[in-house]
Amino acid sequence: MARRPEHALGITRFGGCAPGRGNYRGSSVDEMERLLRQLALNDEKSVGMVLAGGADRAGTAVLLPKVDVLVRLGALLALGANTSSIRSTVDRAIEAGATEAEIVAVLITVAPTVGLARVVSIAPRLAAAIGYDLEADE
């Protein structure tokens, strides 16, 4: 599988790392491979570290803050999270510089994967989290 260009992934220089965070080329590939291996083996320390703080805590490459929070939003939408969880993440996305269009684009992006039923059920929650009133007359 071909790698997507770094700029298309919303990540910074050297393949995905925020400045000062290393990269996933060279020796960091070994670190990523090691982490994935430990996670696949359900290594308690590695799993706990990742769940407690994500990639930043695990000492691996991290996404740009805006991209990170949009990925988290995508996961919440895919899981059908409640409005308060979505609202909190939307607020963090806006603080990280995301626009409302980018936030809605997350739902559009995950739609083919999660399916029509999930999109229809989660769209009103996302709208409420952004502050839209779907009941208002247009």
C-alpha atoms as a PDB file:
ATOM      1  CA  MET A   1       0.000   0.000   0.000  1.00  0.00           C
ATOM      2  CA  ALA A   2       1.392   3.373  -0.986  1.00  0.00           C
ATOM      3  CA  ARG A   3       1.822   5.996   1.688  1.00  0.00           C
ATOM      4  CA  ARG A   4      -0.252   9.141   1.358  1.00  0.00           C
ATOM      5  CA  PRO A   5       1.662  12.396   1.132  1.00  0.00           C
ATOM      6  CA  GLU A   6       2.306  13.854   4.556  1.00  0.00           C
ATOM      7  CA  HIS A   7       0.484  17.077   3.786  1.00  0.00           C
ATOM      8  CA  ALA A   8      -2.636  15.067   2.890  1.00  0.00           C
ATOM      9  CA  LEU A   9      -2.601  13.531   6.355  1.00  0.00           C
ATOM     10  CA  GLY A  10      -2.482  16.870   8.158  1.00  0.00           C
ATOM     11  CA  ILE A  11       0.822  16.078   9.770  1.00  0.00           C
ATOM     12  CA  THR A  12       3.988  18.055  10.054  1.00  0.00           C
ATOM     13  CA  ARG A  13       7.475  17.542   8.753  1.00  0.00           C
ATOM     14  CA  PHE A  14       9.241  14.209   8.576  1.00  0.00           C
ATOM     15  CA  GLY A  15       6.272  11.955   8.138  1.00  0.00           C
ATOM     16  CA  GLY A  16       3.869  12.844  10.876  1.00  0.00           C
ATOM     17  CA  CYS A  17       5.583  14.258  13.860  1.00  0.00           C
ATOM     18  CA  ALA A  18       5.064  17.588  15.416  1.00  0.00           C
ATOM     19  CA  PRO A  19       8.308  19.553  15.605  1.00  0.00           C
ATOM     20  CA  GLY A  20      10.553  18.218  18.316  1.00  0.00           C
ATOM     21  CA  ARG A  21       8.702  14.914  18.534  1.00  0.00           C
ATOM     22  CA  GLY A  22      10.921  12.762  16.337  1.00  0.00           C
ATOM     23  CA  ASN A  23       9.684  11.037  13.212  1.00  0.00           C
ATOM     24  CA  TYR A  24       8.598   7.672  11.949  1.00  0.00           C
ATOM     25  CA  ARG A  25      11.484   7.135   9.600  1.00  0.00           C
ATOM     26  CA  GLY A  26      14.665   5.371  10.588  1.00  0.00           C
ATOM     27  CA  SER A  27      14.879   4.317  14.220  1.00  0.00           C
ATOM     28  CA  SER A  28      11.391   5.609  14.986  1.00  0.00           C
ATOM     29  CA  VAL A  29       9.973   2.977  12.630  1.00  0.00           C
ATOM     30  CA  ASP A  30      11.391   0.422  15.015  1.00  0.00           C
ATOM     31  CA  GLU A  31       9.704   2.232  17.909  1.00  0.00           C
ATOM     32  CA  MET A  32       6.343   2.265  16.104  1.00  0.00           C
ATOM     33  CA  GLU A  33       6.685  -1.391  15.193  1.00  0.00           C
ATOM     34  CA  ARG A  34       7.578  -2.237  18.782  1.00  0.00           C
ATOM     35  CA  LEU A  35       4.588  -0.310  20.110  1.00  0.00           C
ATOM     36  CA  LEU A  36       2.186  -1.968  17.664  1.00  0.00           C
ATOM     37  CA  ARG A  37       3.604  -5.373  18.559  1.00  0.00           C
ATOM     38  CA  GLN A  38       3.123  -4.691  22.279  1.00  0.00           C
ATOM     39  CA  LEU A  39      -0.417  -3.448  21.719  1.00  0.00           C
ATOM     40  CA  ALA A  40      -1.228  -6.501  19.597  1.00  0.00           C
ATOM     41  CA  LEU A  41       0.021  -8.695  22.452  1.00  0.00           C
ATOM     42  CA  ASN A  42      -2.132  -6.725  24.931  1.00  0.00           C
ATOM     43  CA  ASP A  43       0.925  -5.631  26.891  1.00  0.00           C
ATOM     44  CA  GLU A  44      -0.627  -3.994  29.973  1.00  0.00           C
ATOM     45  CA  LYS A  45       1.971  -1.242  30.279  1.00  0.00           C
ATOM     46  CA  SER A  46       1.734  -0.237  26.612  1.00  0.00           C
ATOM     47  CA  VAL A  47      -2.048  -0.421  26.496  1.00  0.00           C
ATOM     48  CA  GLY A  48      -2.348   1.600  29.691  1.00  0.00           C
ATOM     49  CA  MET A  49       0.087   4.212  28.437  1.00  0.00           C
ATOM     50  CA  VAL A  50      -1.730   4.630  25.112  1.00  0.00           C
ATOM     51  CA  LEU A  51      -5.179   4.757  26.691  1.00  0.00           C
ATOM     52  CA  ALA A  52      -4.016   7.256  29.313  1.00  0.00           C
ATOM     53  CA  GLY A  53      -2.575   9.768  26.900  1.00  0.00           C
ATOM     54  CA  GLY A  54      -2.455   8.611  23.325  1.00  0.00           C
ATOM     55  CA  ALA A  55       0.629   8.763  21.160  1.00  0.00           C
ATOM     56  CA  ASP A  56       2.105  11.741  22.996  1.00  0.00           C
ATOM     57  CA  ARG A  57       2.284   9.784  26.236  1.00  0.00           C
ATOM     58  CA  ALA A  58       3.599   6.696  24.478  1.00  0.00           C
ATOM     59  CA  GLY A  59       6.586   8.689  23.249  1.00  0.00           C
ATOM     60  CA  THR A  60       5.740   8.123  19.612  1.00  0.00           C
ATOM     61  CA  ALA A  61       5.010  10.511  16.798  1.00  0.00           C
ATOM     62  CA  VAL A  62       1.983  12.708  17.295  1.00  0.00           C
ATOM     63  CA  LEU A  63      -0.425  14.392  14.939  1.00  0.00           C
ATOM     64  CA  LEU A  64      -0.883  18.114  14.845  1.00  0.00           C
ATOM     65  CA  PRO A  65      -3.302  19.162  17.620  1.00  0.00           C
ATOM     66  CA  LYS A  66      -6.152  20.030  15.238  1.00  0.00           C
ATOM     67  CA  VAL A  67      -5.794  16.768  13.327  1.00  0.00           C
ATOM     68  CA  ASP A  68      -5.551  14.801  16.570  1.00  0.00           C
ATOM     69  CA  VAL A  69      -8.815  16.184  17.918  1.00  0.00           C
ATOM     70  CA  LEU A  70     -10.589  15.715  14.567  1.00  0.00           C
ATOM     71  CA  VAL A  71      -9.511  12.069  14.506  1.00  0.00           C
ATOM     72  CA  ARG A  72     -10.867  11.690  18.046  1.00  0.00           C
ATOM     73  CA  LEU A  73     -14.123  13.310  16.920  1.00  0.00           C
ATOM     74  CA  GLY A  74     -14.343  10.827  14.051  1.00  0.00           C
ATOM     75  CA  ALA A  75     -13.976   7.959  16.506  1.00  0.00           C
ATOM     76  CA  LEU A  76     -16.698   9.379  18.757  1.00  0.00           C
ATOM     77  CA  LEU A  77     -19.041   9.825  15.808  1.00  0.00           C
ATOM     78  CA  ALA A  78     -18.345   6.301  14.575  1.00  0.00           C
ATOM     79  CA  LEU A  79     -19.122   4.916  18.023  1.00  0.00           C
ATOM     80  CA  GLY A  80     -22.331   6.917  18.379  1.00  0.00           C
ATOM     81  CA  ALA A  81     -21.142   8.881  21.407  1.00  0.00           C
ATOM     82  CA  ASN A  82     -23.484  11.060  23.436  1.00  0.00           C
ATOM     83  CA  THR A  83     -23.888  14.761  22.727  1.00  0.00           C
ATOM     84  CA  SER A  84     -21.879  15.938  25.737  1.00  0.00           C
ATOM     85  CA  SER A  85     -18.828  13.918  24.669  1.00  0.00           C
ATOM     86  CA  ILE A  86     -19.155  15.206  21.128  1.00  0.00           C
ATOM     87  CA  ARG A  87     -19.631  18.792  22.369  1.00  0.00           C
ATOM     88  CA  SER A  88     -16.484  18.599  24.482  1.00  0.00           C
ATOM     89  CA  THR A  89     -14.492  17.344  21.515  1.00  0.00           C
ATOM     90  CA  VAL A  90     -16.021  19.929  19.167  1.00  0.00           C
ATOM     91  CA  ASP A  91     -15.006  22.650  21.645  1.00  0.00           C
ATOM     92  CA  ARG A  92     -11.440  21.295  21.707  1.00  0.00           C
ATOM     93  CA  ALA A  93     -11.406  21.121  17.899  1.00  0.00           C
ATOM     94  CA  ILE A  94     -12.465  24.758  17.634  1.00  0.00           C
ATOM     95  CA  GLU A  95      -9.823  25.734  20.195  1.00  0.00           C
ATOM     96  CA  ALA A  96      -7.278  23.881  18.046  1.00  0.00           C
ATOM     97  CA  GLY A  97      -8.299  25.941  15.026  1.00  0.00           C
ATOM     98  CA  ALA A  98     -10.842  23.713  13.298  1.00  0.00           C
ATOM     99  CA  THR A  99     -13.692  25.365  11.443  1.00  0.00           C
ATOM    100  CA  GLU A 100     -17.312  24.242  11.615  1.00  0.00           C
ATOM    101  CA  ALA A 101     -16.950  23.067   8.005  1.00  0.00           C
ATOM    102  CA  GLU A 102     -13.995  20.858   8.975  1.00  0.00           C
ATOM    103  CA  ILE A 103     -15.949  19.457  11.916  1.00  0.00           C
ATOM    104  CA  VAL A 104     -18.914  18.570   9.708  1.00  0.00           C
ATOM    105  CA  ALA A 105     -16.454  17.152   7.144  1.00  0.00           C
ATOM    106  CA  VAL A 106     -15.410  14.603   9.765  1.00  0.00           C
ATOM    107  CA  LEU A 107     -18.936  13.131   9.738  1.00  0.00           C
ATOM    108  CA  ILE A 108     -18.988  13.184   5.945  1.00  0.00           C
ATOM    109  CA  THR A 109     -15.604  11.441   5.888  1.00  0.00           C
ATOM    110  CA  VAL A 110     -16.611   8.611   8.228  1.00  0.00           C
ATOM    111  CA  ALA A 111     -20.062   8.205   6.615  1.00  0.00           C
ATOM    112  CA  PRO A 112     -19.066   5.556   4.049  1.00  0.00           C
ATOM    113  CA  THR A 113     -17.496   3.502   6.823  1.00  0.00           C
ATOM    114  CA  VAL A 114     -20.180   3.811   9.502  1.00  0.00           C
ATOM    115  CA  GLY A 115     -23.222   3.680   7.235  1.00  0.00           C
ATOM    116  CA  LEU A 116     -26.493   5.507   6.802  1.00  0.00           C
ATOM    117  CA  ALA A 117     -28.087   4.525  10.108  1.00  0.00           C
ATOM    118  CA  ARG A 118     -25.155   5.879  12.145  1.00  0.00           C
ATOM    119  CA  VAL A 119     -24.940   9.086  10.100  1.00  0.00           C
ATOM    120  CA  VAL A 120     -28.673   9.781  10.519  1.00  0.00           C
ATOM    121  CA  SER A 121     -28.540   9.066  14.256  1.00  0.00           C
ATOM    122  CA  ILE A 122     -25.365  11.036  14.983  1.00  0.00           C
ATOM    123  CA  ALA A 123     -25.953  14.104  12.758  1.00  0.00           C
ATOM    124  CA  PRO A 124     -28.397  15.764  15.201  1.00  0.00           C
ATOM    125  CA  ARG A 125     -25.955  15.213  18.067  1.00  0.00           C
ATOM    126  CA  LEU A 126     -23.117  16.769  16.101  1.00  0.00           C
ATOM    127  CA  ALA A 127     -25.362  19.674  15.088  1.00  0.00           C
ATOM    128  CA  ALA A 128     -26.313  20.270  18.740  1.00  0.00           C
ATOM    129  CA  ALA A 129     -22.663  20.058  19.779  1.00  0.00           C
ATOM    130  CA  ILE A 130     -21.739  22.730  17.242  1.00  0.00           C
ATOM    131  CA  GLY A 131     -24.671  24.866  18.369  1.00  0.00           C
ATOM    132  CA  TYR A 132     -26.963  24.479  15.373  1.00  0.00           C
ATOM    133  CA  ASP A 133     -30.726  24.419  15.929  1.00  0.00           C
ATOM    134  CA  LEU A 134     -32.115  21.796  13.581  1.00  0.00           C
ATOM    135  CA  GLU A 135     -35.671  22.529  14.722  1.00  0.00           C
ATOM    136  CA  ALA A 136     -35.585  26.154  13.567  1.00  0.00           C
ATOM    137  CA  ASP A 137     -37.303  27.048  10.319  1.00  0.00           C
ATOM    138  CA  GLU A 138     -34.929  27.712   7.465  1.00  0.00           C
END
